[in-house]
Protein backbone atom coordinates (compact mmCIF):
# COMPACT_ATOMS: atom_id res chain seq x y z
CA MET A 1 15.93 4.54 -12.15
CA PRO A 2 12.17 4.37 -12.74
CA ALA A 3 10.71 7.45 -14.40
CA GLY A 4 8.85 9.73 -12.01
CA ALA A 5 10.32 8.16 -8.89
CA SER A 6 11.03 10.28 -5.83
CA ARG A 7 14.53 10.70 -4.38
CA LYS A 8 13.72 8.08 -1.75
CA ARG A 9 12.68 5.54 -4.39
CA GLY A 10 15.72 6.51 -6.48
CA SER A 11 17.98 5.73 -3.54
CA GLU A 12 16.22 2.40 -3.00
CA PHE A 13 16.67 1.60 -6.69
CA LYS A 14 20.42 2.32 -6.59
CA GLU A 15 20.81 0.33 -3.37
CA LEU A 16 19.00 -2.70 -4.81
CA GLU A 17 20.91 -2.50 -8.07
CA SER A 18 24.29 -2.37 -6.34
CA ARG A 19 23.32 -5.19 -3.95
CA PHE A 20 22.27 -7.38 -6.88
CA LYS A 21 25.56 -6.69 -8.67
CA LYS A 22 27.59 -7.38 -5.52
CA GLU A 23 25.75 -10.65 -4.90
CA HIS A 24 25.90 -11.62 -8.61
CA ARG A 25 22.12 -11.96 -8.75
CA TYR A 26 20.07 -11.37 -11.90
CA LYS A 27 23.20 -11.10 -14.02
CA GLY A 28 22.73 -8.46 -16.71
CA ARG A 29 19.22 -7.62 -15.46
CA GLU A 30 20.05 -5.98 -12.13
CA ASP A 31 18.60 -2.60 -13.11
CA GLU A 32 15.44 -4.16 -14.57
CA VAL A 33 14.71 -6.20 -11.44
CA ALA A 34 15.47 -3.26 -9.13
CA ALA A 35 13.15 -1.03 -11.19
CA ARG A 36 10.36 -3.60 -11.01
CA ILE A 37 10.69 -3.82 -7.23
CA VAL A 38 10.67 -0.04 -6.82
CA ASN A 39 7.72 0.36 -9.21
CA LYS A 40 5.77 -2.26 -7.28
CA GLN A 41 6.39 -0.31 -4.07
CA ARG A 42 5.35 2.95 -5.76
CA ALA A 43 2.10 1.37 -6.91
CA GLN A 44 1.46 -0.12 -3.48
CA TYR A 45 1.86 3.25 -1.75
CA GLY A 46 -0.01 5.34 -4.35
CA GLU A 47 3.04 7.11 -5.74
CA THR A 48 2.38 6.50 -9.42
CA ILE A 49 1.07 9.18 -11.75
CA ALA A 50 -2.17 7.27 -12.36
CA GLU A 51 -2.81 6.91 -8.60
CA LYS A 52 -2.14 10.60 -8.00
CA GLN A 53 -4.49 11.60 -10.84
CA GLN A 54 -7.18 9.30 -9.50
CA GLU A 55 -6.83 10.84 -6.04
CA LYS A 56 -7.02 14.39 -7.44
CA ALA A 57 -10.13 13.50 -9.45
CA GLY A 58 -11.79 12.21 -6.28
CA LYS A 59 -12.00 8.66 -7.60
CA SER A 60 -9.78 6.95 -5.06
CA PRO A 61 -11.34 3.60 -4.10
CA ASP A 62 -11.02 4.31 -0.36
CA ARG A 63 -12.43 7.84 -0.64
CA GLY A 64 -15.65 7.32 1.36
CA LEU A 65 -14.07 5.48 4.25
CA PRO A 66 -13.87 6.97 7.75
CA MET A 67 -10.05 6.52 7.71
CA SER A 68 -7.86 8.57 5.39
CA GLY A 69 -5.09 6.70 3.59
CA TYR A 70 -6.70 3.32 4.25
CA GLU A 71 -5.44 1.77 1.01
CA HIS A 72 -1.86 2.08 2.21
CA MET A 73 -2.32 0.95 5.82
CA THR A 74 -1.16 -2.32 7.29
CA ILE A 75 -3.44 -4.52 9.38
CA SER A 76 -1.97 -3.23 12.66
CA GLU A 77 -2.27 0.40 11.50
CA VAL A 78 -5.95 -0.09 10.66
CA ALA A 79 -6.60 -1.88 13.96
CA SER A 80 -4.97 0.94 15.90
CA HIS A 81 -7.73 3.28 14.65
CA PHE A 82 -10.66 1.12 15.82
CA GLY A 83 -11.05 3.13 19.03
CA GLU A 84 -11.60 6.33 17.02
CA LEU A 85 -14.54 4.89 15.06
CA ASP A 86 -18.08 3.94 15.91
CA LYS A 87 -19.40 0.47 15.06
CA ARG A 88 -20.99 1.78 11.85
CA GLY A 89 -17.62 3.08 10.65
CA ILE A 90 -15.92 -0.19 11.51
CA ARG A 91 -18.59 -2.13 9.61
CA LYS A 92 -17.98 0.15 6.63
CA ILE A 93 -14.26 -0.68 6.82
CA ARG A 94 -15.08 -4.40 7.02
CA ASP A 95 -17.36 -4.26 3.97
CA TYR A 96 -14.76 -2.39 1.97
CA GLU A 97 -12.01 -4.78 3.06
CA SER A 98 -13.99 -7.89 2.11
CA LYS A 99 -14.74 -6.47 -1.35
CA HIS A 100 -11.26 -5.16 -2.13
CA LYS A 101 -8.15 -6.41 -0.34
CA ASN A 102 -9.87 -9.23 1.57
CA ARG A 103 -7.12 -9.61 4.18
CA LYS A 104 -8.34 -12.47 6.36
CA GLY A 105 -6.35 -11.33 9.40
CA LEU A 106 -7.91 -7.88 9.34
CA ILE A 107 -11.43 -9.20 8.79
CA GLU A 108 -10.99 -11.53 11.79
CA ARG A 109 -9.74 -8.63 13.94
CA ILE A 110 -12.70 -6.50 12.92
CA ASP A 111 -15.14 -9.31 13.70
CA ARG A 112 -13.56 -9.84 17.15
CA TYR A 113 -13.74 -6.10 17.83
CA LEU A 114 -17.40 -5.92 16.78
CA ASP A 115 -18.33 -8.96 18.91
CA ARG A 116 -17.19 -7.28 22.11
């Protein structure tokens, strides 16, 4: 199990590892591959030690945005918050998105929303 992982991630690790063994995938490397998958998820959702320290220090890249937890939101989750923001806030989200994640689908949705 990856060091510093939560119980949830530990359960996911064990489930992946047993599935790989059952399916005879990644022979001899089941635990390594499962750990890599879990660690990738932890990094994606800000669960690593470095991400937590960055957040505590106030250096999170999405800190100044009008939506909390933006870094970990999907396109549909971000779009569901459009009604809560003014056009200036939405433009701020668009600028951030184009400089960082650059998800084309989200940028197109923002542009359509702003063109209304």
